[in-house]
Amino acid sequence: MEKINQLKKSIQQLSEADAKTMLLLTLINEQSRDSMLQFLLQQAEERDLSKVQTVHIVFGHSPGGSLKAAFRHTDYAKTEEIIVMPGNFSVGPLKDVHTWGGIEARFQWLEERYVMDDDGLIIFEREMKAAVEKIKNIPPHQEIMIWTCQNAHEQIGLRLVLAMLEQKINDIYVLDTFQLFHELYTLPQLAEDNYPRSTGEVSTENLLYFYEQSQGRPLKKALRESLCKEGLNLLMDDYHCIHTWQYHELWGNNNEDREDDFIIACARRLQEEQEEVHYQVAARLIGEVLGHMEELREVEWIEYRLRQLIQQGVFSYQGELQGMLHYKVKLAEMQ
């Protein structure tokens, strides 16, 4: 009975995405059942929330998974909790995203533009609601570590979280992975290349190293209040849906086609490299765009803009527009 209760406790703490992954692996390979049980029982023993000393807040599944992996075989697995806020805040409405109504409005906006398999956006919406509730319910004795980087997505996340924590008395620390990377490593070429663009690009080893080397003081009151005020303004903004990070400042606009010229330029460069111009899988172009653009965007956003350019006649295509692996594109001007 004790093991059953431990399993229930561990399963309740799983995100919907993690639970679905575990179920799939078990169905595919029955031999994985024992390892799954062992993992869940271990998690139940390790995740005694009364022993949590520090709550880490990260923005996106990639850095969230990396941070969990970084702590997995350390004592931090017992003393740290990780809250993952899904998605990318640089695109989409932010008004009232600290409330269920605001979250639902945000994901409705995304649903009108994104093509995602299965119930991806529904899962993200549920995870967002769960993350917001966890942040609001952080006990006053726990320290809070917010992980960020020099991009609009994570800088917005930092400000939104500080707005949600406005009435909290907890000590709050901010760990900027871009700044720490270049403080701890002398690599000027990477700084010029704007690396790392996001916390998700940092290795698990470096995340652990950064955390252990960051012996800074809590966020100063004046800076905390200033960033919190910016976050409150974002939560009241019912107009700006596209954000960029330039000159260490957030810039908002409502120009959805701002990346279109860059998408076209990447397509032209790829096609000029071909001996004979031919259609190429949309995913290839989208990967090229994401790999070279300065701003951090989601795959789904670039794919949405590509479909808009197809509708405008800028690109021709072959296949079905039901996902970037299901169709190929070519610039109409290079027919």
C-alpha atoms as a PDB file:
ATOM      1  CA  MET A   1       0.000   0.000   0.000  1.00  0.00           C
ATOM      2  CA  GLU A   2       2.882   2.369   0.792  1.00  0.00           C
ATOM      3  CA  LYS A   3       4.355   1.837  -2.688  1.00  0.00           C
ATOM      4  CA  ILE A   4       0.982   2.495  -4.296  1.00  0.00           C
ATOM      5  CA  ASN A   5       0.666   5.779  -2.398  1.00  0.00           C
ATOM      6  CA  GLN A   6       4.196   6.733  -3.465  1.00  0.00           C
ATOM      7  CA  LEU A   7       3.338   5.978  -7.087  1.00  0.00           C
ATOM      8  CA  LYS A   8       0.165   8.081  -6.868  1.00  0.00           C
ATOM      9  CA  LYS A   9       2.137  10.961  -5.408  1.00  0.00           C
ATOM     10  CA  SER A  10       4.814  10.796  -8.107  1.00  0.00           C
ATOM     11  CA  ILE A  11       2.317  10.465 -10.973  1.00  0.00           C
ATOM     12  CA  GLN A  12       0.347  13.485  -9.733  1.00  0.00           C
ATOM     13  CA  GLN A  13       3.532  15.560  -9.953  1.00  0.00           C
ATOM     14  CA  LEU A  14       4.184  14.615 -13.593  1.00  0.00           C
ATOM     15  CA  SER A  15       3.358  17.085 -16.322  1.00  0.00           C
ATOM     16  CA  GLU A  16       0.873  15.878 -18.912  1.00  0.00           C
ATOM     17  CA  ALA A  17       3.635  15.765 -21.530  1.00  0.00           C
ATOM     18  CA  ASP A  18       5.890  13.620 -19.303  1.00  0.00           C
ATOM     19  CA  ALA A  19       3.008  11.294 -18.452  1.00  0.00           C
ATOM     20  CA  LYS A  20       2.168  10.763 -22.136  1.00  0.00           C
ATOM     21  CA  THR A  21       5.816  10.050 -22.952  1.00  0.00           C
ATOM     22  CA  MET A  22       6.055   7.437 -20.198  1.00  0.00           C
ATOM     23  CA  LEU A  23       2.836   5.775 -21.312  1.00  0.00           C
ATOM     24  CA  LEU A  24       4.041   5.610 -24.915  1.00  0.00           C
ATOM     25  CA  LEU A  25       7.391   4.083 -23.941  1.00  0.00           C
ATOM     26  CA  THR A  26       5.657   1.489 -21.793  1.00  0.00           C
ATOM     27  CA  LEU A  27       3.245   0.531 -24.583  1.00  0.00           C
ATOM     28  CA  ILE A  28       6.070   0.253 -27.107  1.00  0.00           C
ATOM     29  CA  ASN A  29       8.352  -1.758 -24.864  1.00  0.00           C
ATOM     30  CA  GLU A  30       6.920  -3.827 -22.020  1.00  0.00           C
ATOM     31  CA  GLN A  31      10.422  -4.309 -20.621  1.00  0.00           C
ATOM     32  CA  SER A  32      10.501  -0.628 -19.753  1.00  0.00           C
ATOM     33  CA  ARG A  33       7.738  -1.106 -17.163  1.00  0.00           C
ATOM     34  CA  ASP A  34      10.098  -2.013 -14.303  1.00  0.00           C
ATOM     35  CA  SER A  35      12.426   0.908 -14.989  1.00  0.00           C
ATOM     36  CA  MET A  36       9.427   3.263 -15.109  1.00  0.00           C
ATOM     37  CA  LEU A  37       8.217   1.991 -11.725  1.00  0.00           C
ATOM     38  CA  GLN A  38      11.671   2.394 -10.230  1.00  0.00           C
ATOM     39  CA  PHE A  39      11.946   5.945 -11.560  1.00  0.00           C
ATOM     40  CA  LEU A  40       8.519   6.967 -10.221  1.00  0.00           C
ATOM     41  CA  LEU A  41       9.210   5.489  -6.770  1.00  0.00           C
ATOM     42  CA  GLN A  42      12.550   7.281  -6.648  1.00  0.00           C
ATOM     43  CA  GLN A  43      10.875  10.551  -7.610  1.00  0.00           C
ATOM     44  CA  ALA A  44       8.298  10.112  -4.840  1.00  0.00           C
ATOM     45  CA  GLU A  45      11.068   9.679  -2.288  1.00  0.00           C
ATOM     46  CA  GLU A  46      13.098  12.629  -3.593  1.00  0.00           C
ATOM     47  CA  ARG A  47      10.306  15.161  -4.119  1.00  0.00           C
ATOM     48  CA  ASP A  48       9.350  15.908  -0.528  1.00  0.00           C
ATOM     49  CA  LEU A  49       8.255  19.504  -1.086  1.00  0.00           C
ATOM     50  CA  SER A  50       8.647  20.316   2.614  1.00  0.00           C
ATOM     51  CA  LYS A  51      12.415  19.967   2.115  1.00  0.00           C
ATOM     52  CA  VAL A  52      12.571  22.290  -0.896  1.00  0.00           C
ATOM     53  CA  GLN A  53      14.936  25.200  -0.272  1.00  0.00           C
ATOM     54  CA  THR A  54      15.000  26.877  -3.672  1.00  0.00           C
ATOM     55  CA  VAL A  55      12.393  27.116  -6.415  1.00  0.00           C
ATOM     56  CA  HIS A  56      13.797  27.503  -9.922  1.00  0.00           C
ATOM     57  CA  ILE A  57      11.641  29.104 -12.618  1.00  0.00           C
ATOM     58  CA  VAL A  58      12.637  28.514 -16.237  1.00  0.00           C
ATOM     59  CA  PHE A  59      10.986  29.468 -19.510  1.00  0.00           C
ATOM     60  CA  GLY A  60      10.538  26.595 -21.950  1.00  0.00           C
ATOM     61  CA  HIS A  61      10.739  22.809 -21.907  1.00  0.00           C
ATOM     62  CA  SER A  62      14.273  22.720 -23.292  1.00  0.00           C
ATOM     63  CA  PRO A  63      15.966  24.596 -20.403  1.00  0.00           C
ATOM     64  CA  GLY A  64      13.561  22.942 -17.972  1.00  0.00           C
ATOM     65  CA  GLY A  65      14.594  19.465 -19.079  1.00  0.00           C
ATOM     66  CA  SER A  66      18.276  20.405 -19.080  1.00  0.00           C
ATOM     67  CA  LEU A  67      18.097  21.813 -15.555  1.00  0.00           C
ATOM     68  CA  LYS A  68      16.314  18.705 -14.283  1.00  0.00           C
ATOM     69  CA  ALA A  69      19.032  16.577 -15.879  1.00  0.00           C
ATOM     70  CA  ALA A  70      21.738  18.785 -14.342  1.00  0.00           C
ATOM     71  CA  PHE A  71      20.339  18.251 -10.831  1.00  0.00           C
ATOM     72  CA  ARG A  72      19.398  14.576 -11.257  1.00  0.00           C
ATOM     73  CA  HIS A  73      22.490  12.983  -9.696  1.00  0.00           C
ATOM     74  CA  THR A  74      23.198  15.693  -7.128  1.00  0.00           C
ATOM     75  CA  ASP A  75      21.847  16.610  -3.708  1.00  0.00           C
ATOM     76  CA  TYR A  76      19.904  19.376  -5.463  1.00  0.00           C
ATOM     77  CA  ALA A  77      17.411  16.727  -6.581  1.00  0.00           C
ATOM     78  CA  LYS A  78      16.077  16.752  -2.998  1.00  0.00           C
ATOM     79  CA  THR A  79      16.331  20.457  -2.189  1.00  0.00           C
ATOM     80  CA  GLU A  80      15.347  22.195  -5.450  1.00  0.00           C
ATOM     81  CA  GLU A  81      12.003  22.426  -7.247  1.00  0.00           C
ATOM     82  CA  ILE A  82      11.795  23.397 -10.930  1.00  0.00           C
ATOM     83  CA  ILE A  83       8.784  25.212 -12.378  1.00  0.00           C
ATOM     84  CA  VAL A  84       8.660  25.275 -16.187  1.00  0.00           C
ATOM     85  CA  MET A  85       6.618  27.924 -17.997  1.00  0.00           C
ATOM     86  CA  PRO A  86       5.983  26.556 -21.510  1.00  0.00           C
ATOM     87  CA  GLY A  87       5.948  28.284 -24.867  1.00  0.00           C
ATOM     88  CA  ASN A  88       7.653  31.442 -26.098  1.00  0.00           C
ATOM     89  CA  PHE A  89       6.509  34.774 -24.701  1.00  0.00           C
ATOM     90  CA  SER A  90       8.021  36.833 -27.539  1.00  0.00           C
ATOM     91  CA  VAL A  91       4.970  36.029 -29.690  1.00  0.00           C
ATOM     92  CA  GLY A  92       1.307  36.223 -28.702  1.00  0.00           C
ATOM     93  CA  PRO A  93      -0.842  38.345 -26.350  1.00  0.00           C
ATOM     94  CA  LEU A  94       0.334  38.747 -22.757  1.00  0.00           C
ATOM     95  CA  LYS A  95      -2.650  40.532 -21.247  1.00  0.00           C
ATOM     96  CA  ASP A  96      -3.716  38.866 -17.985  1.00  0.00           C
ATOM     97  CA  VAL A  97      -1.599  35.728 -18.562  1.00  0.00           C
ATOM     98  CA  HIS A  98      -1.370  35.439 -14.780  1.00  0.00           C
ATOM     99  CA  THR A  99      -5.076  34.474 -14.849  1.00  0.00           C
ATOM    100  CA  TRP A 100      -6.868  31.513 -16.402  1.00  0.00           C
ATOM    101  CA  GLY A 101      -8.872  33.798 -18.684  1.00  0.00           C
ATOM    102  CA  GLY A 102      -5.727  35.503 -19.975  1.00  0.00           C
ATOM    103  CA  ILE A 103      -3.994  32.173 -20.556  1.00  0.00           C
ATOM    104  CA  GLU A 104      -6.993  30.868 -22.496  1.00  0.00           C
ATOM    105  CA  ALA A 105      -7.086  34.018 -24.647  1.00  0.00           C
ATOM    106  CA  ARG A 106      -3.368  33.688 -25.397  1.00  0.00           C
ATOM    107  CA  PHE A 107      -3.666  30.071 -26.510  1.00  0.00           C
ATOM    108  CA  GLN A 108      -6.761  30.793 -28.592  1.00  0.00           C
ATOM    109  CA  TRP A 109      -4.687  33.397 -30.459  1.00  0.00           C
ATOM    110  CA  LEU A 110      -1.913  30.847 -31.007  1.00  0.00           C
ATOM    111  CA  GLU A 111      -4.386  28.151 -32.062  1.00  0.00           C
ATOM    112  CA  GLU A 112      -5.621  30.410 -34.867  1.00  0.00           C
ATOM    113  CA  ARG A 113      -2.084  30.517 -36.285  1.00  0.00           C
ATOM    114  CA  TYR A 114      -0.225  27.342 -35.356  1.00  0.00           C
ATOM    115  CA  VAL A 115      -0.436  23.866 -36.847  1.00  0.00           C
ATOM    116  CA  MET A 116       0.498  21.369 -34.133  1.00  0.00           C
ATOM    117  CA  ASP A 117       0.057  17.619 -33.987  1.00  0.00           C
ATOM    118  CA  ASP A 118      -2.087  15.933 -31.344  1.00  0.00           C
ATOM    119  CA  ASP A 119      -3.126  18.182 -28.448  1.00  0.00           C
ATOM    120  CA  GLY A 120       0.115  20.183 -28.216  1.00  0.00           C
ATOM    121  CA  LEU A 121      -1.429  23.578 -27.516  1.00  0.00           C
ATOM    122  CA  ILE A 122      -4.000  22.129 -25.107  1.00  0.00           C
ATOM    123  CA  ILE A 123      -1.188  20.518 -23.113  1.00  0.00           C
ATOM    124  CA  PHE A 124       0.831  23.761 -23.142  1.00  0.00           C
ATOM    125  CA  GLU A 125      -2.214  25.671 -21.892  1.00  0.00           C
ATOM    126  CA  ARG A 126      -2.716  23.256 -18.988  1.00  0.00           C
ATOM    127  CA  GLU A 127       0.980  23.384 -18.135  1.00  0.00           C
ATOM    128  CA  MET A 128       0.912  27.188 -18.194  1.00  0.00           C
ATOM    129  CA  LYS A 129      -2.029  27.271 -15.793  1.00  0.00           C
ATOM    130  CA  ALA A 130      -0.310  24.775 -13.486  1.00  0.00           C
ATOM    131  CA  ALA A 131       2.948  26.781 -13.539  1.00  0.00           C
ATOM    132  CA  VAL A 132       1.168  30.048 -12.691  1.00  0.00           C
ATOM    133  CA  GLU A 133      -0.615  28.386  -9.759  1.00  0.00           C
ATOM    134  CA  LYS A 134       2.664  26.953  -8.473  1.00  0.00           C
ATOM    135  CA  ILE A 135       4.345  30.357  -8.657  1.00  0.00           C
ATOM    136  CA  LYS A 136       1.500  32.019  -6.774  1.00  0.00           C
ATOM    137  CA  ASN A 137       1.690  29.332  -4.062  1.00  0.00           C
ATOM    138  CA  ILE A 138       5.442  29.390  -3.391  1.00  0.00           C
ATOM    139  CA  PRO A 139       5.886  29.412   0.420  1.00  0.00           C
ATOM    140  CA  PRO A 140       7.552  32.526   1.870  1.00  0.00           C
ATOM    141  CA  HIS A 141      10.562  30.633   3.279  1.00  0.00           C
ATOM    142  CA  GLN A 142      11.788  29.347  -0.091  1.00  0.00           C
ATOM    143  CA  GLU A 143      14.328  31.226  -2.182  1.00  0.00           C
ATOM    144  CA  ILE A 144      13.399  31.821  -5.822  1.00  0.00           C
ATOM    145  CA  MET A 145      15.862  31.539  -8.701  1.00  0.00           C
ATOM    146  CA  ILE A 146      14.672  32.900 -12.062  1.00  0.00           C
ATOM    147  CA  TRP A 147      16.709  31.749 -15.064  1.00  0.00           C
ATOM    148  CA  THR A 148      16.831  34.146 -17.994  1.00  0.00           C
ATOM    149  CA  CYS A 149      18.937  35.104 -21.009  1.00  0.00           C
ATOM    150  CA  GLN A 150      19.347  37.983 -23.458  1.00  0.00           C
ATOM    151  CA  ASN A 151      16.239  37.413 -25.571  1.00  0.00           C
ATOM    152  CA  ALA A 152      12.699  38.777 -25.573  1.00  0.00           C
ATOM    153  CA  HIS A 153      11.092  35.489 -24.517  1.00  0.00           C
ATOM    154  CA  GLU A 154      13.049  35.012 -21.295  1.00  0.00           C
ATOM    155  CA  GLN A 155      13.234  38.723 -20.465  1.00  0.00           C
ATOM    156  CA  ILE A 156       9.448  38.907 -20.721  1.00  0.00           C
ATOM    157  CA  GLY A 157       9.183  35.779 -18.589  1.00  0.00           C
ATOM    158  CA  LEU A 158      11.383  37.384 -15.924  1.00  0.00           C
ATOM    159  CA  ARG A 159       9.170  40.459 -15.753  1.00  0.00           C
ATOM    160  CA  LEU A 160       5.903  38.513 -15.772  1.00  0.00           C
ATOM    161  CA  VAL A 161       7.049  36.289 -12.920  1.00  0.00           C
ATOM    162  CA  LEU A 162       8.218  39.260 -10.860  1.00  0.00           C
ATOM    163  CA  ALA A 163       4.790  40.830 -11.386  1.00  0.00           C
ATOM    164  CA  MET A 164       3.161  37.607 -10.134  1.00  0.00           C
ATOM    165  CA  LEU A 165       5.483  37.678  -7.110  1.00  0.00           C
ATOM    166  CA  GLU A 166       4.799  41.345  -6.344  1.00  0.00           C
ATOM    167  CA  GLN A 167       3.367  40.654  -2.877  1.00  0.00           C
ATOM    168  CA  LYS A 168       5.852  37.905  -1.979  1.00  0.00           C
ATOM    169  CA  ILE A 169       8.581  38.479   0.616  1.00  0.00           C
ATOM    170  CA  ASN A 170      10.843  35.713  -0.702  1.00  0.00           C
ATOM    171  CA  ASP A 171      14.445  36.428  -1.661  1.00  0.00           C
ATOM    172  CA  ILE A 172      14.600  36.395  -5.465  1.00  0.00           C
ATOM    173  CA  TYR A 173      17.743  35.745  -7.479  1.00  0.00           C
ATOM    174  CA  VAL A 174      18.145  36.205 -11.234  1.00  0.00           C
ATOM    175  CA  LEU A 175      20.608  34.052 -13.141  1.00  0.00           C
ATOM    176  CA  ASP A 176      21.320  35.389 -16.649  1.00  0.00           C
ATOM    177  CA  THR A 177      22.951  32.548 -18.570  1.00  0.00           C
ATOM    178  CA  PHE A 178      24.378  34.850 -21.269  1.00  0.00           C
ATOM    179  CA  GLN A 179      26.094  37.088 -18.742  1.00  0.00           C
ATOM    180  CA  LEU A 180      27.391  34.179 -16.679  1.00  0.00           C
ATOM    181  CA  PHE A 181      28.689  32.339 -19.734  1.00  0.00           C
ATOM    182  CA  HIS A 182      30.829  35.309 -20.704  1.00  0.00           C
ATOM    183  CA  GLU A 183      31.895  36.074 -17.141  1.00  0.00           C
ATOM    184  CA  LEU A 184      33.136  32.522 -16.595  1.00  0.00           C
ATOM    185  CA  TYR A 185      34.520  31.887 -20.096  1.00  0.00           C
ATOM    186  CA  THR A 186      36.671  34.241 -22.163  1.00  0.00           C
ATOM    187  CA  LEU A 187      35.237  33.582 -25.611  1.00  0.00           C
ATOM    188  CA  PRO A 188      34.817  36.946 -27.389  1.00  0.00           C
ATOM    189  CA  GLN A 189      33.939  35.314 -30.714  1.00  0.00           C
ATOM    190  CA  LEU A 190      30.897  33.625 -29.134  1.00  0.00           C
ATOM    191  CA  ALA A 191      29.855  36.936 -27.578  1.00  0.00           C
ATOM    192  CA  GLU A 192      29.923  38.513 -31.036  1.00  0.00           C
ATOM    193  CA  ASP A 193      27.800  35.642 -32.327  1.00  0.00           C
ATOM    194  CA  ASN A 194      25.299  36.317 -29.526  1.00  0.00           C
ATOM    195  CA  TYR A 195      25.863  32.881 -27.930  1.00  0.00           C
ATOM    196  CA  PRO A 196      24.045  31.595 -26.005  1.00  0.00           C
ATOM    197  CA  ARG A 197      20.849  33.069 -27.436  1.00  0.00           C
ATOM    198  CA  SER A 198      18.802  31.217 -24.841  1.00  0.00           C
ATOM    199  CA  THR A 199      19.138  29.158 -21.669  1.00  0.00           C
ATOM    200  CA  GLY A 200      18.031  26.164 -23.751  1.00  0.00           C
ATOM    201  CA  GLU A 201      21.321  26.317 -25.692  1.00  0.00           C
ATOM    202  CA  VAL A 202      23.409  25.881 -22.547  1.00  0.00           C
ATOM    203  CA  SER A 203      24.659  22.370 -21.715  1.00  0.00           C
ATOM    204  CA  THR A 204      23.530  20.585 -18.545  1.00  0.00           C
ATOM    205  CA  GLU A 205      27.104  20.680 -17.241  1.00  0.00           C
ATOM    206  CA  ASN A 206      27.272  24.438 -17.672  1.00  0.00           C
ATOM    207  CA  LEU A 207      23.866  24.990 -16.076  1.00  0.00           C
ATOM    208  CA  LEU A 208      25.062  23.169 -12.959  1.00  0.00           C
ATOM    209  CA  TYR A 209      28.363  25.058 -13.046  1.00  0.00           C
ATOM    210  CA  PHE A 210      26.616  28.414 -13.429  1.00  0.00           C
ATOM    211  CA  TYR A 211      24.308  27.685 -10.511  1.00  0.00           C
ATOM    212  CA  GLU A 212      27.157  26.679  -8.220  1.00  0.00           C
ATOM    213  CA  GLN A 213      29.249  29.700  -9.244  1.00  0.00           C
ATOM    214  CA  SER A 214      26.439  32.233  -8.909  1.00  0.00           C
ATOM    215  CA  GLN A 215      26.868  33.431  -5.368  1.00  0.00           C
ATOM    216  CA  GLY A 216      25.134  36.726  -5.978  1.00  0.00           C
ATOM    217  CA  ARG A 217      22.853  38.662  -3.712  1.00  0.00           C
ATOM    218  CA  PRO A 218      19.071  38.741  -3.983  1.00  0.00           C
ATOM    219  CA  LEU A 219      17.596  41.140  -6.507  1.00  0.00           C
ATOM    220  CA  LYS A 220      17.861  44.654  -5.112  1.00  0.00           C
ATOM    221  CA  LYS A 221      14.589  46.282  -4.113  1.00  0.00           C
ATOM    222  CA  ALA A 222      14.756  49.124  -6.659  1.00  0.00           C
ATOM    223  CA  LEU A 223      15.525  46.808  -9.594  1.00  0.00           C
ATOM    224  CA  ARG A 224      12.936  44.275  -8.457  1.00  0.00           C
ATOM    225  CA  GLU A 225      10.269  46.989  -8.297  1.00  0.00           C
ATOM    226  CA  SER A 226      11.280  48.387 -11.687  1.00  0.00           C
ATOM    227  CA  LEU A 227      11.133  44.984 -13.427  1.00  0.00           C
ATOM    228  CA  CYS A 228       7.900  44.166 -11.604  1.00  0.00           C
ATOM    229  CA  LYS A 229       6.353  47.412 -12.897  1.00  0.00           C
ATOM    230  CA  GLU A 230       7.368  46.472 -16.448  1.00  0.00           C
ATOM    231  CA  GLY A 231       5.759  43.074 -15.908  1.00  0.00           C
ATOM    232  CA  LEU A 232       2.524  44.631 -14.660  1.00  0.00           C
ATOM    233  CA  ASN A 233       2.472  46.847 -17.765  1.00  0.00           C
ATOM    234  CA  LEU A 234       2.860  43.754 -19.962  1.00  0.00           C
ATOM    235  CA  LEU A 235      -0.048  42.108 -18.150  1.00  0.00           C
ATOM    236  CA  MET A 236      -2.223  45.133 -18.986  1.00  0.00           C
ATOM    237  CA  ASP A 237      -1.123  45.392 -22.635  1.00  0.00           C
ATOM    238  CA  ASP A 238      -3.939  44.343 -24.965  1.00  0.00           C
ATOM    239  CA  TYR A 239      -2.255  45.482 -28.186  1.00  0.00           C
ATOM    240  CA  HIS A 240       1.376  44.395 -28.630  1.00  0.00           C
ATOM    241  CA  CYS A 241       1.678  40.728 -29.667  1.00  0.00           C
ATOM    242  CA  ILE A 242       5.216  40.667 -31.091  1.00  0.00           C
ATOM    243  CA  HIS A 243       8.245  41.507 -28.946  1.00  0.00           C
ATOM    244  CA  THR A 244      11.958  41.861 -29.594  1.00  0.00           C
ATOM    245  CA  TRP A 245      14.972  42.425 -27.337  1.00  0.00           C
ATOM    246  CA  GLN A 246      17.236  45.215 -28.548  1.00  0.00           C
ATOM    247  CA  TYR A 247      19.816  47.336 -26.727  1.00  0.00           C
ATOM    248  CA  HIS A 248      18.858  45.581 -23.458  1.00  0.00           C
ATOM    249  CA  GLU A 249      15.270  46.748 -23.787  1.00  0.00           C
ATOM    250  CA  LEU A 250      11.983  45.138 -24.740  1.00  0.00           C
ATOM    251  CA  TRP A 251      10.260  46.520 -27.830  1.00  0.00           C
ATOM    252  CA  GLY A 252       6.654  45.673 -28.590  1.00  0.00           C
ATOM    253  CA  ASN A 253       4.720  45.953 -31.835  1.00  0.00           C
ATOM    254  CA  ASN A 254       1.861  44.283 -33.656  1.00  0.00           C
ATOM    255  CA  ASN A 255       3.673  43.633 -36.935  1.00  0.00           C
ATOM    256  CA  GLU A 256       3.316  39.901 -37.552  1.00  0.00           C
ATOM    257  CA  ASP A 257       5.235  39.991 -40.843  1.00  0.00           C
ATOM    258  CA  ARG A 258       8.445  41.477 -39.420  1.00  0.00           C
ATOM    259  CA  GLU A 259      10.408  38.223 -40.054  1.00  0.00           C
ATOM    260  CA  ASP A 260       9.049  37.637 -43.585  1.00  0.00           C
ATOM    261  CA  ASP A 261      11.930  39.353 -45.412  1.00  0.00           C
ATOM    262  CA  PHE A 262      14.418  37.256 -43.456  1.00  0.00           C
ATOM    263  CA  ILE A 263      12.560  34.045 -44.349  1.00  0.00           C
ATOM    264  CA  ILE A 264      12.658  35.039 -48.035  1.00  0.00           C
ATOM    265  CA  ALA A 265      16.381  35.904 -47.814  1.00  0.00           C
ATOM    266  CA  CYS A 266      17.179  32.513 -46.263  1.00  0.00           C
ATOM    267  CA  ALA A 267      15.176  30.719 -48.967  1.00  0.00           C
ATOM    268  CA  ARG A 268      16.943  32.678 -51.721  1.00  0.00           C
ATOM    269  CA  ARG A 269      20.365  31.832 -50.269  1.00  0.00           C
ATOM    270  CA  LEU A 270      19.532  28.127 -50.028  1.00  0.00           C
ATOM    271  CA  GLN A 271      18.195  28.011 -53.578  1.00  0.00           C
ATOM    272  CA  GLU A 272      21.202  29.898 -54.986  1.00  0.00           C
ATOM    273  CA  GLU A 273      23.419  27.166 -53.541  1.00  0.00           C
ATOM    274  CA  GLN A 274      21.591  24.558 -55.638  1.00  0.00           C
ATOM    275  CA  GLU A 275      22.867  23.665 -59.094  1.00  0.00           C
ATOM    276  CA  GLU A 276      19.276  23.287 -60.187  1.00  0.00           C
ATOM    277  CA  VAL A 277      16.505  25.009 -58.223  1.00  0.00           C
ATOM    278  CA  HIS A 278      14.052  22.489 -56.801  1.00  0.00           C
ATOM    279  CA  TYR A 279      11.451  22.248 -54.069  1.00  0.00           C
ATOM    280  CA  GLN A 280      12.818  21.590 -50.590  1.00  0.00           C
ATOM    281  CA  VAL A 281      11.115  20.337 -47.442  1.00  0.00           C
ATOM    282  CA  ALA A 282       9.677  23.254 -45.471  1.00  0.00           C
ATOM    283  CA  ALA A 283      11.411  22.015 -42.317  1.00  0.00           C
ATOM    284  CA  ARG A 284      14.800  22.577 -43.989  1.00  0.00           C
ATOM    285  CA  LEU A 285      14.031  26.239 -44.633  1.00  0.00           C
ATOM    286  CA  ILE A 286      12.515  26.748 -41.185  1.00  0.00           C
ATOM    287  CA  GLY A 287      15.621  25.266 -39.572  1.00  0.00           C
ATOM    288  CA  GLU A 288      17.805  27.623 -41.590  1.00  0.00           C
ATOM    289  CA  VAL A 289      15.745  30.614 -40.471  1.00  0.00           C
ATOM    290  CA  LEU A 290      15.773  29.666 -36.787  1.00  0.00           C
ATOM    291  CA  GLY A 291      19.492  28.936 -36.881  1.00  0.00           C
ATOM    292  CA  HIS A 292      20.458  32.344 -38.245  1.00  0.00           C
ATOM    293  CA  MET A 293      17.928  34.852 -36.943  1.00  0.00           C
ATOM    294  CA  GLU A 294      18.929  36.999 -33.981  1.00  0.00           C
ATOM    295  CA  GLU A 295      15.571  36.865 -32.215  1.00  0.00           C
ATOM    296  CA  LEU A 296      14.439  33.681 -30.506  1.00  0.00           C
ATOM    297  CA  ARG A 297      11.182  32.407 -32.025  1.00  0.00           C
ATOM    298  CA  GLU A 298       9.291  29.128 -32.042  1.00  0.00           C
ATOM    299  CA  VAL A 299       9.318  26.666 -34.939  1.00  0.00           C
ATOM    300  CA  GLU A 300       5.529  27.007 -35.140  1.00  0.00           C
ATOM    301  CA  TRP A 301       5.732  30.771 -35.578  1.00  0.00           C
ATOM    302  CA  ILE A 302       8.142  30.609 -38.527  1.00  0.00           C
ATOM    303  CA  GLU A 303       6.042  27.854 -40.084  1.00  0.00           C
ATOM    304  CA  TYR A 304       2.952  30.053 -39.712  1.00  0.00           C
ATOM    305  CA  ARG A 305       4.693  32.936 -41.476  1.00  0.00           C
ATOM    306  CA  LEU A 306       5.830  30.589 -44.248  1.00  0.00           C
ATOM    307  CA  ARG A 307       2.231  29.504 -44.821  1.00  0.00           C
ATOM    308  CA  GLN A 308       1.202  33.165 -44.978  1.00  0.00           C
ATOM    309  CA  LEU A 309       3.857  33.801 -47.630  1.00  0.00           C
ATOM    310  CA  ILE A 310       2.507  30.829 -49.599  1.00  0.00           C
ATOM    311  CA  GLN A 311      -0.966  32.371 -49.488  1.00  0.00           C
ATOM    312  CA  GLN A 312       0.495  35.653 -50.760  1.00  0.00           C
ATOM    313  CA  GLY A 313       2.094  33.855 -53.717  1.00  0.00           C
ATOM    314  CA  VAL A 314       5.672  34.513 -52.590  1.00  0.00           C
ATOM    315  CA  PHE A 315       6.302  30.744 -52.339  1.00  0.00           C
ATOM    316  CA  SER A 316       4.831  27.873 -54.328  1.00  0.00           C
ATOM    317  CA  TYR A 317       4.518  24.502 -52.656  1.00  0.00           C
ATOM    318  CA  GLN A 318       3.973  20.787 -53.148  1.00  0.00           C
ATOM    319  CA  GLY A 319       2.214  18.542 -50.636  1.00  0.00           C
ATOM    320  CA  GLU A 320      -0.203  19.171 -47.780  1.00  0.00           C
ATOM    321  CA  LEU A 321       0.050  22.196 -45.458  1.00  0.00           C
ATOM    322  CA  GLN A 322      -0.558  20.059 -42.389  1.00  0.00           C
ATOM    323  CA  GLY A 323       2.905  20.246 -40.899  1.00  0.00           C
ATOM    324  CA  MET A 324       6.347  21.324 -42.047  1.00  0.00           C
ATOM    325  CA  LEU A 325       7.400  17.765 -42.899  1.00  0.00           C
ATOM    326  CA  HIS A 326       4.433  17.271 -45.220  1.00  0.00           C
ATOM    327  CA  TYR A 327       5.142  19.901 -47.862  1.00  0.00           C
ATOM    328  CA  LYS A 328       7.983  21.401 -49.896  1.00  0.00           C
ATOM    329  CA  VAL A 329       8.456  25.022 -50.918  1.00  0.00           C
ATOM    330  CA  LYS A 330      10.210  27.108 -53.559  1.00  0.00           C
ATOM    331  CA  LEU A 331      10.337  30.855 -54.128  1.00  0.00           C
ATOM    332  CA  ALA A 332       7.925  31.795 -56.901  1.00  0.00           C
ATOM    333  CA  GLU A 333      10.514  34.218 -58.338  1.00  0.00           C
ATOM    334  CA  MET A 334      12.904  31.292 -58.925  1.00  0.00           C
ATOM    335  CA  GLN A 335      10.480  29.041 -60.799  1.00  0.00           C
END
